[in-house]
Protein backbone atom coordinates (compact mmCIF):
# COMPACT_ATOMS: atom_id res chain seq x y z
CA UNK A 1 31.12 -7.68 -0.46
CA UNK A 2 27.33 -8.04 -0.45
CA UNK A 3 25.77 -6.40 -3.78
CA UNK A 4 22.87 -5.61 -2.09
CA UNK A 5 24.40 -3.53 0.43
CA UNK A 6 26.39 -1.27 -1.98
CA UNK A 7 23.02 0.21 -3.65
CA UNK A 8 20.60 1.93 -1.06
CA UNK A 9 18.08 3.62 -3.49
CA UNK A 10 15.48 1.89 -5.57
CA UNK A 11 17.33 -0.28 -7.99
CA UNK A 12 16.91 0.12 -11.91
CA UNK A 13 17.22 -1.75 -14.80
CA UNK A 14 20.54 -0.10 -15.34
CA UNK A 15 21.80 -1.25 -11.89
CA UNK A 16 21.24 -5.02 -12.70
CA UNK A 17 22.52 -4.50 -16.43
CA UNK A 18 25.65 -2.72 -14.74
CA UNK A 19 26.49 -5.75 -12.48
CA UNK A 20 26.17 -8.60 -15.34
CA UNK A 21 28.32 -6.11 -17.81
CA UNK A 22 24.79 -6.46 -20.14
CA UNK A 23 22.87 -3.74 -21.72
CA UNK A 24 19.41 -2.70 -20.14
CA UNK A 25 17.66 -3.96 -23.27
CA UNK A 26 19.40 -7.50 -22.96
CA UNK A 27 18.28 -7.50 -19.36
CA UNK A 28 14.55 -6.41 -20.23
CA UNK A 29 14.44 -9.28 -22.64
CA UNK A 30 15.77 -11.94 -20.24
CA UNK A 31 13.08 -10.86 -17.59
CA UNK A 32 10.66 -10.85 -20.27
CA UNK A 33 11.77 -14.53 -21.38
CA UNK A 34 12.76 -13.09 -24.77
CA UNK A 35 13.34 -16.31 -27.46
CA UNK A 36 16.77 -14.77 -28.36
CA UNK A 37 18.02 -14.45 -24.86
CA UNK A 38 20.12 -17.69 -23.59
CA UNK A 39 18.55 -19.80 -20.54
CA UNK A 40 22.22 -18.82 -18.58
CA UNK A 41 21.65 -15.36 -19.53
CA UNK A 42 18.32 -15.50 -17.87
CA UNK A 43 19.33 -17.45 -15.06
CA UNK A 44 21.92 -14.93 -14.31
CA UNK A 45 20.04 -12.17 -14.65
CA UNK A 46 16.79 -13.33 -12.17
CA UNK A 47 19.70 -14.48 -9.60
CA UNK A 48 20.97 -10.67 -9.59
CA UNK A 49 17.48 -9.30 -9.47
CA UNK A 50 16.83 -11.12 -6.45
CA UNK A 51 20.22 -10.48 -4.99
CA UNK A 52 19.41 -6.54 -5.64
CA UNK A 53 15.92 -6.69 -4.60
CA UNK A 54 14.98 -5.20 -8.14
CA UNK A 55 11.28 -4.97 -9.19
CA UNK A 56 9.95 -3.67 -12.39
CA UNK A 57 8.77 -0.34 -13.17
CA UNK A 58 5.14 -0.92 -13.55
CA UNK A 59 4.30 2.65 -15.17
CA UNK A 60 7.49 2.68 -17.21
CA UNK A 61 6.22 -0.87 -18.37
CA UNK A 62 2.78 0.25 -19.07
CA UNK A 63 4.32 3.10 -21.35
CA UNK A 64 5.40 0.58 -23.48
CA UNK A 65 2.80 -2.34 -23.37
CA UNK A 66 -0.26 0.31 -22.94
CA UNK A 67 -1.67 -1.82 -20.11
CA UNK A 68 -0.99 -1.15 -16.53
CA UNK A 69 -3.50 -3.71 -15.16
CA UNK A 70 -4.86 -0.85 -12.71
CA UNK A 71 -8.37 -0.07 -12.30
CA UNK A 72 -9.10 3.16 -10.61
CA UNK A 73 -12.05 3.08 -8.17
CA UNK A 74 -13.69 6.45 -7.16
CA UNK A 75 -15.74 6.35 -4.19
CA UNK A 76 -17.75 8.88 -2.24
CA UNK A 77 -17.04 7.89 1.63
CA UNK A 78 -15.66 4.60 2.98
CA UNK A 79 -17.46 5.32 6.63
CA UNK A 80 -20.62 3.94 4.74
CA UNK A 81 -20.55 -0.06 4.96
CA UNK A 82 -22.49 -0.31 1.43
CA UNK A 83 -19.56 1.50 -0.16
CA UNK A 84 -16.83 -0.51 1.50
CA UNK A 85 -18.78 -3.88 0.94
CA UNK A 86 -18.85 -2.87 -2.79
CA UNK A 87 -15.19 -2.25 -3.10
CA UNK A 88 -14.31 -5.60 -1.47
CA UNK A 89 -16.18 -6.86 -4.38
CA UNK A 90 -14.50 -5.01 -6.82
CA UNK A 91 -10.78 -6.15 -5.44
CA UNK A 92 -11.63 -9.73 -5.16
CA UNK A 93 -12.95 -9.61 -8.59
CA UNK A 94 -10.13 -7.45 -10.21
CA UNK A 95 -7.46 -10.07 -8.35
CA UNK A 96 -9.05 -13.19 -9.77
CA UNK A 97 -8.78 -11.64 -13.45
CA UNK A 98 -4.98 -9.91 -12.88
CA UNK A 99 -5.87 -6.38 -11.80
CA UNK A 100 -5.16 -4.10 -9.19
CA UNK A 101 -7.38 -1.73 -7.76
CA UNK A 102 -6.72 1.48 -6.62
CA UNK A 103 -9.02 3.26 -4.24
CA UNK A 104 -9.57 6.89 -3.74
CA UNK A 105 -12.11 9.11 -2.04
CA UNK A 106 -13.68 12.23 -3.17
CA UNK A 107 -15.73 12.74 -0.07
CA UNK A 108 -18.82 13.77 -2.80
CA UNK A 109 -16.55 17.11 -3.65
CA UNK A 110 -16.43 17.40 -7.30
CA UNK A 111 -13.01 19.34 -7.23
CA UNK A 112 -11.61 16.26 -5.03
CA UNK A 113 -13.00 14.00 -7.77
CA UNK A 114 -11.48 16.13 -10.50
CA UNK A 115 -7.71 15.69 -9.23
CA UNK A 116 -8.42 11.72 -8.44
CA UNK A 117 -9.60 11.45 -12.01
CA UNK A 118 -6.36 13.44 -13.56
CA UNK A 119 -4.13 11.24 -11.40
CA UNK A 120 -5.68 8.07 -12.46
CA UNK A 121 -5.18 9.50 -16.26
CA UNK A 122 -1.45 10.32 -15.37
CA UNK A 123 -0.56 6.96 -14.32
CA UNK A 124 -2.15 5.20 -17.08
CA UNK A 125 -5.04 3.24 -15.27
CA UNK A 126 -6.72 0.88 -17.78
CA UNK A 127 -10.36 1.47 -16.42
CA UNK A 128 -12.18 3.47 -13.95
CA UNK A 129 -15.20 2.56 -11.77
CA UNK A 130 -16.65 5.71 -11.09
CA UNK A 131 -19.23 6.71 -8.02
CA UNK A 132 -19.68 10.29 -9.24
CA UNK A 133 -19.79 13.16 -6.83
CA UNK A 134 -22.61 14.49 -8.77
CA UNK A 135 -23.42 17.99 -10.55
CA UNK A 136 -22.18 18.28 -14.25
CA UNK A 137 -18.66 19.93 -13.34
CA UNK A 138 -16.52 17.02 -14.07
CA UNK A 139 -18.66 15.81 -17.09
CA UNK A 140 -16.01 17.58 -19.44
CA UNK A 141 -12.97 15.49 -17.59
CA UNK A 142 -15.22 12.06 -18.02
CA UNK A 143 -15.15 12.52 -21.60
CA UNK A 144 -11.81 13.49 -21.93
CA UNK A 145 -10.42 10.38 -20.38
CA UNK A 146 -12.75 8.09 -22.25
CA UNK A 147 -11.22 9.80 -25.60
CA UNK A 148 -7.88 8.65 -24.35
CA UNK A 149 -8.84 5.31 -24.39
CA UNK A 150 -9.57 5.10 -20.58
CA UNK A 151 -12.73 2.72 -19.90
CA UNK A 152 -15.58 3.84 -17.69
CA UNK A 153 -18.42 2.19 -15.97
CA UNK A 154 -20.27 3.89 -13.38
CA UNK A 155 -21.41 2.00 -9.99
CA UNK A 156 -24.45 2.68 -7.81
CA UNK A 157 -24.87 5.86 -9.43
CA UNK A 158 -25.55 6.50 -13.02
CA UNK A 159 -24.87 9.71 -14.85
CA UNK A 160 -27.50 11.83 -16.73
CA UNK A 161 -29.03 10.57 -19.93
CA UNK A 162 -26.65 12.64 -22.04
CA UNK A 163 -23.58 10.56 -20.91
CA UNK A 164 -23.09 6.82 -22.81
CA UNK A 165 -21.22 5.25 -20.10
CA UNK A 166 -22.40 1.95 -18.77
CA UNK A 167 -23.66 1.53 -15.04
CA UNK A 168 -24.26 -1.30 -12.91
CA UNK A 169 -26.83 -0.50 -10.00
CA UNK A 170 -30.18 -1.16 -8.45
CA UNK A 171 -33.42 -0.04 -9.87
CA UNK A 172 -33.55 3.03 -7.36
CA UNK A 173 -37.14 3.94 -8.44
CA UNK A 174 -38.67 0.65 -7.92
CA UNK A 175 -36.73 0.08 -4.76
CA UNK A 176 -38.30 3.47 -3.05
CA UNK A 177 -41.54 2.35 -4.41
CA UNK A 178 -41.60 -0.86 -2.47
CA UNK A 179 -39.95 0.86 0.35
CA UNK A 180 -42.46 3.27 0.63
CA UNK A 181 -45.36 1.20 -0.14
CA UNK A 182 -44.42 -1.24 2.50
CA UNK A 183 -44.41 1.57 5.11
CA UNK A 184 -47.84 2.64 3.87
CA UNK A 185 -49.21 -1.19 4.26
CA UNK A 186 -47.98 -0.56 7.83
CA UNK A 187 -50.66 1.99 8.33
CA UNK A 188 -48.20 5.02 7.55
CA UNK A 189 -49.73 8.00 5.72
CA UNK A 190 -47.39 10.72 7.03
CA UNK A 191 -44.17 9.76 5.33
CA UNK A 192 -41.10 12.23 5.47
CA UNK A 193 -38.82 11.68 2.40
CA UNK A 194 -35.45 12.85 3.89
CA UNK A 195 -32.22 13.64 1.89
CA UNK A 196 -31.13 15.61 -1.44
CA UNK A 197 -33.84 14.71 -4.17
CA UNK A 198 -31.94 16.61 -6.93
CA UNK A 199 -28.53 16.69 -8.73
CA UNK A 200 -27.37 12.95 -8.84
CA UNK A 201 -29.92 10.67 -10.98
CA UNK A 202 -30.21 7.99 -8.16
CA UNK A 203 -31.39 10.73 -5.87
CA UNK A 204 -34.03 11.97 -8.26
CA UNK A 205 -35.09 8.13 -9.11
CA UNK A 206 -35.59 7.62 -5.31
CA UNK A 207 -37.64 10.66 -4.75
CA UNK A 208 -39.73 9.53 -7.74
CA UNK A 209 -40.16 6.27 -6.60
CA UNK A 210 -41.14 7.64 -3.05
CA UNK A 211 -43.95 10.33 -4.87
CA UNK A 212 -45.02 7.11 -7.19
CA UNK A 213 -45.92 5.02 -3.98
CA UNK A 214 -48.01 7.74 -2.54
CA UNK A 215 -49.91 8.20 -5.59
CA UNK A 216 -50.46 4.60 -6.38
CA UNK A 217 -51.43 4.08 -2.73
CA UNK A 218 -53.64 6.97 -2.67
CA UNK A 219 -51.90 9.16 -0.27
CA UNK A 220 -52.17 13.01 -0.65
CA UNK A 221 -48.30 14.27 -1.45
CA UNK A 222 -47.08 16.74 1.18
CA UNK A 223 -44.45 19.21 0.27
CA UNK A 224 -43.78 20.07 3.95
CA UNK A 225 -42.72 16.22 4.11
CA UNK A 226 -40.00 16.50 1.81
CA UNK A 227 -36.54 17.72 3.39
CA UNK A 228 -33.69 18.47 1.66
CA UNK A 229 -30.58 17.36 3.62
CA UNK A 230 -26.79 17.00 2.93
CA UNK A 231 -25.68 13.92 3.01
CA UNK A 232 -24.40 14.19 6.66
CA UNK A 233 -25.30 13.04 10.40
CA UNK A 234 -25.09 16.73 11.44
CA UNK A 235 -27.35 18.46 8.89
CA UNK A 236 -30.02 15.57 8.70
CA UNK A 237 -29.94 15.94 12.87
CA UNK A 238 -30.63 19.45 12.54
CA UNK A 239 -33.48 19.06 10.01
CA UNK A 240 -35.18 16.69 12.01
CA UNK A 241 -35.12 18.68 14.90
CA UNK A 242 -36.70 21.59 12.85
CA UNK A 243 -39.39 19.70 11.53
CA UNK A 244 -40.23 18.64 15.14
CA UNK A 245 -39.92 22.00 16.65
CA UNK A 246 -42.41 23.34 13.74
CA UNK A 247 -45.17 20.38 14.84
CA UNK A 248 -45.16 18.87 11.58
CA UNK A 249 -46.55 15.33 11.97
CA UNK A 250 -44.58 12.27 10.78
CA UNK A 251 -44.96 8.62 11.61
CA UNK A 252 -42.44 7.01 8.92
CA UNK A 253 -39.27 8.34 7.22
CA UNK A 254 -38.01 7.16 3.65
CA UNK A 255 -34.19 8.12 4.11
CA UNK A 256 -31.78 8.28 1.25
CA UNK A 257 -28.53 6.79 3.44
CA UNK A 258 -27.08 5.52 6.42
CA UNK A 259 -25.73 8.66 7.74
CA UNK A 260 -28.82 11.07 6.91
CA UNK A 261 -30.83 7.87 8.63
CA UNK A 262 -28.53 8.27 11.79
CA UNK A 263 -28.89 11.60 12.15
CA UNK A 264 -32.77 11.83 12.08
CA UNK A 265 -33.00 8.62 14.29
CA UNK A 266 -31.04 10.44 16.72
CA UNK A 267 -32.88 13.45 16.85
CA UNK A 268 -36.19 11.66 17.11
CA UNK A 269 -34.95 9.51 20.20
CA UNK A 270 -33.71 12.72 21.76
CA UNK A 271 -37.18 14.04 21.79
CA UNK A 272 -38.57 10.98 23.08
CA UNK A 273 -40.13 9.10 19.88
CA UNK A 274 -40.31 5.87 20.05
CA UNK A 275 -39.06 4.04 16.90
CA UNK A 276 -40.77 1.98 15.38
CA UNK A 277 -44.10 2.88 17.48
CA UNK A 278 -43.94 6.45 16.69
CA UNK A 279 -42.14 6.56 13.45
CA UNK A 280 -41.08 3.67 11.43
CA UNK A 281 -37.60 4.27 9.84
CA UNK A 282 -37.01 3.06 6.11
CA UNK A 283 -33.51 3.75 4.42
CA UNK A 284 -31.38 2.58 1.89
CA UNK A 285 -27.85 0.90 2.19
CA UNK A 286 -28.50 -1.15 5.31
CA UNK A 287 -25.77 0.79 6.57
CA UNK A 288 -23.65 -0.46 9.70
CA UNK A 289 -24.10 3.16 11.20
CA UNK A 290 -28.10 2.81 11.60
CA UNK A 291 -27.35 -0.19 13.72
CA UNK A 292 -25.87 2.67 16.82
CA UNK A 293 -29.42 3.66 17.06
CA UNK A 294 -30.43 0.35 18.96
CA UNK A 295 -33.76 0.36 17.18
CA UNK A 296 -35.55 -1.95 14.35
CA UNK A 297 -35.94 -0.38 11.00
CA UNK A 298 -36.39 -1.34 7.31
CA UNK A 299 -33.47 -1.07 4.50
CA UNK A 300 -33.20 -1.36 1.01
CA UNK A 301 -30.63 -3.96 0.90
CA UNK A 302 -28.63 -3.11 -2.71
CA UNK A 303 -26.20 -6.38 -2.65
CA UNK A 304 -23.17 -4.39 -2.77
CA UNK A 305 -20.42 -6.87 -3.07
CA UNK A 306 -22.70 -8.11 -6.22
CA UNK A 307 -22.57 -4.39 -7.45
CA UNK A 308 -18.61 -4.10 -7.04
CA UNK A 309 -17.95 -7.58 -8.55
CA UNK A 310 -20.39 -7.10 -11.79
CA UNK A 311 -19.20 -3.70 -12.23
CA UNK A 312 -15.50 -4.98 -12.18
CA UNK A 313 -16.31 -7.68 -14.55
CA UNK A 314 -18.05 -5.53 -16.98
CA UNK A 315 -15.25 -2.92 -17.06
CA UNK A 316 -12.86 -5.64 -17.48
CA UNK A 317 -14.40 -7.29 -20.29
CA UNK A 318 -14.69 -3.63 -22.18
CA UNK A 319 -10.81 -3.26 -21.61
CA UNK A 320 -10.01 -6.61 -23.07
CA UNK A 321 -12.69 -6.63 -25.98
CA UNK A 322 -11.62 -3.01 -27.60
CA UNK A 323 -14.22 -3.52 -30.23
CA UNK A 324 -16.24 -0.82 -31.25
CA UNK A 325 -18.63 -2.90 -32.73
CA UNK A 326 -19.65 -4.89 -29.35
CA UNK A 327 -22.45 -3.36 -27.62
CA UNK A 328 -22.35 -3.93 -23.70
CA UNK A 329 -25.85 -3.15 -21.62
CA UNK A 330 -26.19 -1.61 -18.28
CA UNK A 331 -26.51 -4.24 -15.54
CA UNK A 332 -29.50 -3.84 -13.01
CA UNK A 333 -28.67 -5.94 -9.54
CA UNK A 334 -31.41 -7.31 -7.51
CA UNK A 335 -32.58 -5.46 -4.50
CA UNK A 336 -35.19 -6.16 -1.51
CA UNK A 337 -36.64 -4.89 1.41
CA UNK A 338 -35.69 -6.45 4.67
CA UNK A 339 -36.57 -5.62 8.07
CA UNK A 340 -33.74 -5.47 10.59
CA UNK A 341 -35.07 -6.75 13.84
CA UNK A 342 -31.90 -7.76 15.38
CA UNK A 343 -30.24 -4.73 17.42
CA UNK A 344 -26.71 -3.76 17.49
CA UNK A 345 -25.15 -1.18 19.33
CA UNK A 346 -21.79 -0.42 19.23
């Protein structure tokens, strides 16, 4: 009778041992190429494992070896091409170095983020690539997981100064300064800053870069041209319509990201504004969704693949070094301002 047909549940080490009349410990040693196990026994064990379809329990093995070779990746939103491209850099770099990436999405929700972090701790992930949901609500669990020995590297978004985790990101102040300055050099003076500008350090930095560019280029700061918006198409669409209905004059936009940019652009086009003749759009991320507007725009290209790759490389070095006397540094990835003239309409 075919051995494989006799067992319908997941095959365990005990099942393999029973078929061979060996102890589970002996089977385990044979699979680990133990020096005290004969080659004949090892061959028998490998053959039966293949017939039964046995696969080792990675979580159980991680409890013994204290190494799971799993990296948890916390992502805000996979609809945004910046994040998906960064994740591609992560899993390709992780795979090259013998690790697997487990991607979890928190939807910018701190409660979801906490559950994902607890899950990664429970499965004994070796490290976490953290793109935080924001606020200080989960600082306690960041520290708890770190104290458990799980390494954490922040990517794209660094935490506030009282958190010591290393980060891999662009210089958001400088990038926002350059983007806003570019719009000013194109003759625009009524530049709207659109999106949240509090909470996450990344958002504060982009807002500060915007204000610095106004100051350095002798353009007066106008609080009416600063609009807080959630990171969603719907909210930015409504906020932009409200600005237009109030008759507030704008001739350019600095937007914090693709979803916000798309919502604002949609509102402008519906009100028959010409882009870029009437209003120039400048945004962060080079997100595919912005192309759906069918208009030219300026973007901060952030090299997401390189951010993901560099963050993963740094995290694995921290995992495998495990020496407290070695100091790792934050990594700043180059960014550049690009003009997107090629129009893509889905």
